[in-house]
Amino acid sequence: MTHLEKAIAAIDEANTADPNLEEGAPAARLYGERMSSELSRLFPQASDPLKIAARGQHIERWTVPRATFPEGKAGYHAWRRHLAGHHAQRVGEIMAAAGYAAEDIAAAERMLRKEGIKQHADVQALEDTICFVFLKWYFAPFAAKHSDEKVLGIVQKTARKMSGEARRRVGEEFDLPEPLSSAFKS
């Protein structure tokens, strides 16, 4: 078994414990599989650290419930920062156990903490993949639960996080109505 196979298997094993089910599967594991699938499609030459960061993007997310942080925007952002640190730490531990070098572990951890978004190609590739996964599998259920105004705001925030190339691909791959599609036009 390669280092990559060991790391992916360990992430999947950890995420199999997610008590939240989606389509009959543990939600975190399904999310990881979707991330790997989209990363492979969007960035077929991805490095091992990027592949592992994508698979581990939500590792053990359910262990840190949103309700453990204050309500509101500040509480939400604190929760997300805490989760990013947790995901980076767990993925780093898994990579070390799988035999990865310190620099590869540091690269994956940086990606998961989103350090250098819009500056580092690997961090941006992970963010673009996250956005595609959201649009492909999670956007419609989200949109059904929220006002048009909130949906537009989320779409605009999503588009701002993406690279120009990713926004262009969204325009080609998704049939979004106006004004949502305008958010992805550079």
C-alpha atoms as a PDB file:
ATOM      1  CA  MET A   1       0.000   0.000   0.000  1.00  0.00           C
ATOM      2  CA  THR A   2       1.381   3.436  -0.936  1.00  0.00           C
ATOM      3  CA  HIS A   3       1.642   6.385   1.455  1.00  0.00           C
ATOM      4  CA  LEU A   4      -1.305   7.982  -0.362  1.00  0.00           C
ATOM      5  CA  GLU A   5      -3.456   4.863  -0.104  1.00  0.00           C
ATOM      6  CA  LYS A   6      -2.664   4.568   3.621  1.00  0.00           C
ATOM      7  CA  ALA A   7      -3.588   8.199   4.259  1.00  0.00           C
ATOM      8  CA  ILE A   8      -6.833   8.039   2.273  1.00  0.00           C
ATOM      9  CA  ALA A   9      -7.831   4.785   3.996  1.00  0.00           C
ATOM     10  CA  ALA A  10      -7.187   6.316   7.431  1.00  0.00           C
ATOM     11  CA  ILE A  11      -9.229   9.422   6.595  1.00  0.00           C
ATOM     12  CA  ASP A  12     -12.073   7.253   5.319  1.00  0.00           C
ATOM     13  CA  GLU A  13     -11.911   5.093   8.438  1.00  0.00           C
ATOM     14  CA  ALA A  14     -12.122   8.172  10.675  1.00  0.00           C
ATOM     15  CA  ASN A  15     -15.017   9.602   8.658  1.00  0.00           C
ATOM     16  CA  THR A  16     -16.940   6.322   8.689  1.00  0.00           C
ATOM     17  CA  ALA A  17     -17.707   7.088  12.350  1.00  0.00           C
ATOM     18  CA  ASP A  18     -19.801  10.140  11.356  1.00  0.00           C
ATOM     19  CA  PRO A  19     -23.282   9.535  12.833  1.00  0.00           C
ATOM     20  CA  ASN A  20     -24.827  11.928  10.296  1.00  0.00           C
ATOM     21  CA  LEU A  21     -26.024  10.051   7.245  1.00  0.00           C
ATOM     22  CA  GLU A  22     -26.444  11.336   3.712  1.00  0.00           C
ATOM     23  CA  GLU A  23     -27.725   9.014   1.014  1.00  0.00           C
ATOM     24  CA  GLY A  24     -27.307   6.167   3.523  1.00  0.00           C
ATOM     25  CA  ALA A  25     -23.583   6.847   4.062  1.00  0.00           C
ATOM     26  CA  PRO A  26     -21.672   8.724   6.758  1.00  0.00           C
ATOM     27  CA  ALA A  27     -21.866  12.362   5.610  1.00  0.00           C
ATOM     28  CA  ALA A  28     -18.176  13.187   6.187  1.00  0.00           C
ATOM     29  CA  ARG A  29     -17.031  10.128   4.270  1.00  0.00           C
ATOM     30  CA  LEU A  30     -19.353  10.899   1.358  1.00  0.00           C
ATOM     31  CA  TYR A  31     -18.118  14.494   1.330  1.00  0.00           C
ATOM     32  CA  GLY A  32     -14.505  13.288   1.227  1.00  0.00           C
ATOM     33  CA  GLU A  33     -15.258  10.970  -1.677  1.00  0.00           C
ATOM     34  CA  ARG A  34     -16.949  13.829  -3.541  1.00  0.00           C
ATOM     35  CA  MET A  35     -13.959  16.079  -2.881  1.00  0.00           C
ATOM     36  CA  SER A  36     -11.571  13.453  -4.272  1.00  0.00           C
ATOM     37  CA  SER A  37     -13.737  12.936  -7.322  1.00  0.00           C
ATOM     38  CA  GLU A  38     -13.960  16.648  -8.131  1.00  0.00           C
ATOM     39  CA  LEU A  39     -10.274  17.239  -7.429  1.00  0.00           C
ATOM     40  CA  SER A  40      -9.373  14.435  -9.824  1.00  0.00           C
ATOM     41  CA  ARG A  41     -11.617  15.939 -12.490  1.00  0.00           C
ATOM     42  CA  LEU A  42     -10.549  19.557 -12.009  1.00  0.00           C
ATOM     43  CA  PHE A  43      -6.871  19.017 -11.166  1.00  0.00           C
ATOM     44  CA  PRO A  44      -5.772  15.630 -12.511  1.00  0.00           C
ATOM     45  CA  GLN A  45      -2.095  16.362 -11.752  1.00  0.00           C
ATOM     46  CA  ALA A  46      -2.735  17.179  -8.065  1.00  0.00           C
ATOM     47  CA  SER A  47       0.062  16.418  -5.611  1.00  0.00           C
ATOM     48  CA  ASP A  48      -0.374  13.883  -2.818  1.00  0.00           C
ATOM     49  CA  PRO A  49      -0.693  16.628  -0.160  1.00  0.00           C
ATOM     50  CA  LEU A  50      -3.485  18.248  -2.191  1.00  0.00           C
ATOM     51  CA  LYS A  51      -5.248  14.896  -2.701  1.00  0.00           C
ATOM     52  CA  ILE A  52      -5.039  14.188   1.015  1.00  0.00           C
ATOM     53  CA  ALA A  53      -6.180  17.694   1.995  1.00  0.00           C
ATOM     54  CA  ALA A  54      -9.197  17.332  -0.290  1.00  0.00           C
ATOM     55  CA  ARG A  55     -10.137  13.961   1.159  1.00  0.00           C
ATOM     56  CA  GLY A  56      -9.641  15.226   4.720  1.00  0.00           C
ATOM     57  CA  GLN A  57     -11.357  18.603   4.269  1.00  0.00           C
ATOM     58  CA  HIS A  58     -14.142  17.620   6.702  1.00  0.00           C
ATOM     59  CA  ILE A  59     -12.401  14.912   8.722  1.00  0.00           C
ATOM     60  CA  GLU A  60     -14.347  14.328  11.935  1.00  0.00           C
ATOM     61  CA  ARG A  61     -16.296  17.542  11.409  1.00  0.00           C
ATOM     62  CA  TRP A  62     -19.195  16.229  13.486  1.00  0.00           C
ATOM     63  CA  THR A  63     -16.960  16.122  16.586  1.00  0.00           C
ATOM     64  CA  VAL A  64     -17.049  19.928  16.815  1.00  0.00           C
ATOM     65  CA  PRO A  65     -20.732  20.917  16.624  1.00  0.00           C
ATOM     66  CA  ARG A  66     -21.600  24.436  15.508  1.00  0.00           C
ATOM     67  CA  ALA A  67     -23.690  24.816  18.686  1.00  0.00           C
ATOM     68  CA  THR A  68     -20.496  24.717  20.789  1.00  0.00           C
ATOM     69  CA  PHE A  69     -19.644  28.214  19.521  1.00  0.00           C
ATOM     70  CA  PRO A  70     -21.607  31.455  20.007  1.00  0.00           C
ATOM     71  CA  GLU A  71     -24.434  32.374  17.663  1.00  0.00           C
ATOM     72  CA  GLY A  72     -23.876  34.952  14.963  1.00  0.00           C
ATOM     73  CA  LYS A  73     -21.237  35.741  12.405  1.00  0.00           C
ATOM     74  CA  ALA A  74     -18.309  35.975  14.863  1.00  0.00           C
ATOM     75  CA  GLY A  75     -19.222  32.620  16.412  1.00  0.00           C
ATOM     76  CA  TYR A  76     -19.561  31.045  12.988  1.00  0.00           C
ATOM     77  CA  HIS A  77     -16.129  32.293  11.912  1.00  0.00           C
ATOM     78  CA  ALA A  78     -14.558  31.119  15.189  1.00  0.00           C
ATOM     79  CA  TRP A  79     -16.095  27.663  14.627  1.00  0.00           C
ATOM     80  CA  ARG A  80     -14.763  27.521  11.060  1.00  0.00           C
ATOM     81  CA  ARG A  81     -11.243  28.560  12.172  1.00  0.00           C
ATOM     82  CA  HIS A  82     -11.313  25.940  14.914  1.00  0.00           C
ATOM     83  CA  LEU A  83     -12.462  23.289  12.446  1.00  0.00           C
ATOM     84  CA  ALA A  84      -9.693  24.208   9.985  1.00  0.00           C
ATOM     85  CA  GLY A  85      -7.118  23.724  12.736  1.00  0.00           C
ATOM     86  CA  HIS A  86      -8.694  20.427  13.780  1.00  0.00           C
ATOM     87  CA  HIS A  87      -8.788  19.134  10.208  1.00  0.00           C
ATOM     88  CA  ALA A  88      -5.161  20.182   9.637  1.00  0.00           C
ATOM     89  CA  GLN A  89      -3.990  18.514  12.847  1.00  0.00           C
ATOM     90  CA  ARG A  90      -5.813  15.234  12.166  1.00  0.00           C
ATOM     91  CA  VAL A  91      -4.677  15.071   8.548  1.00  0.00           C
ATOM     92  CA  GLY A  92      -1.111  15.851   9.664  1.00  0.00           C
ATOM     93  CA  GLU A  93      -1.213  12.990  12.178  1.00  0.00           C
ATOM     94  CA  ILE A  94      -2.537  10.618   9.525  1.00  0.00           C
ATOM     95  CA  MET A  95       0.096  11.679   7.009  1.00  0.00           C
ATOM     96  CA  ALA A  96       2.880  11.196   9.564  1.00  0.00           C
ATOM     97  CA  ALA A  97       1.597   7.701  10.361  1.00  0.00           C
ATOM     98  CA  ALA A  98       1.461   6.942   6.620  1.00  0.00           C
ATOM     99  CA  GLY A  99       5.134   7.890   6.236  1.00  0.00           C
ATOM    100  CA  TYR A 100       4.974  11.355   4.646  1.00  0.00           C
ATOM    101  CA  ALA A 101       7.824  13.842   5.014  1.00  0.00           C
ATOM    102  CA  ALA A 102       7.420  16.919   7.211  1.00  0.00           C
ATOM    103  CA  GLU A 103       7.247  19.287   4.219  1.00  0.00           C
ATOM    104  CA  ASP A 104       4.357  17.332   2.652  1.00  0.00           C
ATOM    105  CA  ILE A 105       2.512  17.321   5.963  1.00  0.00           C
ATOM    106  CA  ALA A 106       3.050  21.068   6.365  1.00  0.00           C
ATOM    107  CA  ALA A 107       1.758  21.662   2.821  1.00  0.00           C
ATOM    108  CA  ALA A 108      -1.484  19.751   3.471  1.00  0.00           C
ATOM    109  CA  GLU A 109      -1.975  21.482   6.818  1.00  0.00           C
ATOM    110  CA  ARG A 110      -1.487  24.905   5.175  1.00  0.00           C
ATOM    111  CA  MET A 111      -4.107  24.025   2.563  1.00  0.00           C
ATOM    112  CA  LEU A 112      -6.605  22.924   5.181  1.00  0.00           C
ATOM    113  CA  ARG A 113      -6.092  26.117   7.175  1.00  0.00           C
ATOM    114  CA  LYS A 114      -6.534  28.018   3.878  1.00  0.00           C
ATOM    115  CA  GLU A 115      -3.310  29.931   4.382  1.00  0.00           C
ATOM    116  CA  GLY A 116      -2.473  31.736   1.167  1.00  0.00           C
ATOM    117  CA  ILE A 117      -5.765  31.496  -0.683  1.00  0.00           C
ATOM    118  CA  LYS A 118      -5.464  33.462  -3.941  1.00  0.00           C
ATOM    119  CA  GLN A 119      -1.647  33.324  -3.452  1.00  0.00           C
ATOM    120  CA  HIS A 120      -0.686  29.630  -3.502  1.00  0.00           C
ATOM    121  CA  ALA A 121      -1.868  27.423  -6.352  1.00  0.00           C
ATOM    122  CA  ASP A 122      -2.462  24.379  -4.143  1.00  0.00           C
ATOM    123  CA  VAL A 123      -4.523  26.315  -1.573  1.00  0.00           C
ATOM    124  CA  GLN A 124      -6.542  27.859  -4.407  1.00  0.00           C
ATOM    125  CA  ALA A 125      -7.043  24.456  -6.062  1.00  0.00           C
ATOM    126  CA  LEU A 126      -8.453  23.100  -2.803  1.00  0.00           C
ATOM    127  CA  GLU A 127     -10.775  26.113  -2.484  1.00  0.00           C
ATOM    128  CA  ASP A 128     -11.935  25.777  -6.094  1.00  0.00           C
ATOM    129  CA  THR A 129     -12.673  22.091  -5.468  1.00  0.00           C
ATOM    130  CA  ILE A 130     -14.624  22.921  -2.303  1.00  0.00           C
ATOM    131  CA  CYS A 131     -16.721  25.428  -4.257  1.00  0.00           C
ATOM    132  CA  PHE A 132     -17.427  22.954  -7.062  1.00  0.00           C
ATOM    133  CA  VAL A 133     -18.473  20.289  -4.560  1.00  0.00           C
ATOM    134  CA  PHE A 134     -20.801  22.796  -2.897  1.00  0.00           C
ATOM    135  CA  LEU A 135     -22.366  23.830  -6.203  1.00  0.00           C
ATOM    136  CA  LYS A 136     -22.689  20.282  -7.512  1.00  0.00           C
ATOM    137  CA  TRP A 137     -24.052  18.481  -4.438  1.00  0.00           C
ATOM    138  CA  TYR A 138     -25.043  20.939  -1.706  1.00  0.00           C
ATOM    139  CA  PHE A 139     -26.260  24.129  -3.386  1.00  0.00           C
ATOM    140  CA  ALA A 140     -29.770  22.988  -4.402  1.00  0.00           C
ATOM    141  CA  PRO A 141     -30.713  21.713  -0.907  1.00  0.00           C
ATOM    142  CA  PHE A 142     -29.252  24.905   0.605  1.00  0.00           C
ATOM    143  CA  ALA A 143     -31.148  27.149  -1.834  1.00  0.00           C
ATOM    144  CA  ALA A 144     -34.423  25.363  -1.099  1.00  0.00           C
ATOM    145  CA  LYS A 145     -34.164  26.326   2.593  1.00  0.00           C
ATOM    146  CA  HIS A 146     -33.183  29.986   2.242  1.00  0.00           C
ATOM    147  CA  SER A 147     -34.441  33.257   0.805  1.00  0.00           C
ATOM    148  CA  ASP A 148     -33.397  34.374  -2.658  1.00  0.00           C
ATOM    149  CA  GLU A 149     -31.434  37.213  -1.056  1.00  0.00           C
ATOM    150  CA  LYS A 150     -29.439  34.855   1.197  1.00  0.00           C
ATOM    151  CA  VAL A 151     -28.828  32.436  -1.708  1.00  0.00           C
ATOM    152  CA  LEU A 152     -27.506  35.262  -3.884  1.00  0.00           C
ATOM    153  CA  GLY A 153     -25.195  36.404  -1.079  1.00  0.00           C
ATOM    154  CA  ILE A 154     -23.788  32.889  -0.627  1.00  0.00           C
ATOM    155  CA  VAL A 155     -23.276  32.485  -4.376  1.00  0.00           C
ATOM    156  CA  GLN A 156     -21.450  35.828  -4.527  1.00  0.00           C
ATOM    157  CA  LYS A 157     -19.198  34.839  -1.595  1.00  0.00           C
ATOM    158  CA  THR A 158     -18.526  31.474  -3.236  1.00  0.00           C
ATOM    159  CA  ALA A 159     -17.568  33.119  -6.528  1.00  0.00           C
ATOM    160  CA  ARG A 160     -15.192  35.555  -4.781  1.00  0.00           C
ATOM    161  CA  LYS A 161     -13.249  32.637  -3.292  1.00  0.00           C
ATOM    162  CA  MET A 162     -12.720  30.998  -6.683  1.00  0.00           C
ATOM    163  CA  SER A 163      -9.990  31.493  -9.256  1.00  0.00           C
ATOM    164  CA  GLY A 164     -10.860  33.090 -12.586  1.00  0.00           C
ATOM    165  CA  GLU A 165     -10.490  29.728 -14.320  1.00  0.00           C
ATOM    166  CA  ALA A 166     -12.839  28.044 -11.847  1.00  0.00           C
ATOM    167  CA  ARG A 167     -15.447  30.802 -12.281  1.00  0.00           C
ATOM    168  CA  ARG A 168     -15.193  30.347 -16.048  1.00  0.00           C
ATOM    169  CA  ARG A 169     -15.764  26.602 -15.676  1.00  0.00           C
ATOM    170  CA  VAL A 170     -18.790  27.195 -13.452  1.00  0.00           C
ATOM    171  CA  GLY A 171     -20.293  29.228 -16.298  1.00  0.00           C
ATOM    172  CA  GLU A 172     -19.725  26.329 -18.676  1.00  0.00           C
ATOM    173  CA  GLU A 173     -20.744  23.475 -16.368  1.00  0.00           C
ATOM    174  CA  PHE A 174     -23.707  24.849 -14.400  1.00  0.00           C
ATOM    175  CA  ASP A 175     -26.970  26.236 -15.689  1.00  0.00           C
ATOM    176  CA  LEU A 176     -27.539  28.923 -13.076  1.00  0.00           C
ATOM    177  CA  PRO A 177     -30.275  31.503 -13.540  1.00  0.00           C
ATOM    178  CA  GLU A 178     -29.606  35.224 -13.399  1.00  0.00           C
ATOM    179  CA  PRO A 179     -28.576  36.924 -11.170  1.00  0.00           C
ATOM    180  CA  LEU A 180     -26.720  33.888  -9.767  1.00  0.00           C
ATOM    181  CA  SER A 181     -24.773  33.244 -12.964  1.00  0.00           C
ATOM    182  CA  SER A 182     -23.560  36.864 -13.027  1.00  0.00           C
ATOM    183  CA  ALA A 183     -21.612  36.242  -9.809  1.00  0.00           C
ATOM    184  CA  PHE A 184     -19.251  33.935 -11.708  1.00  0.00           C
ATOM    185  CA  LYS A 185     -18.510  36.305 -14.583  1.00  0.00           C
ATOM    186  CA  SER A 186     -15.102  37.921 -14.080  1.00  0.00           C
END
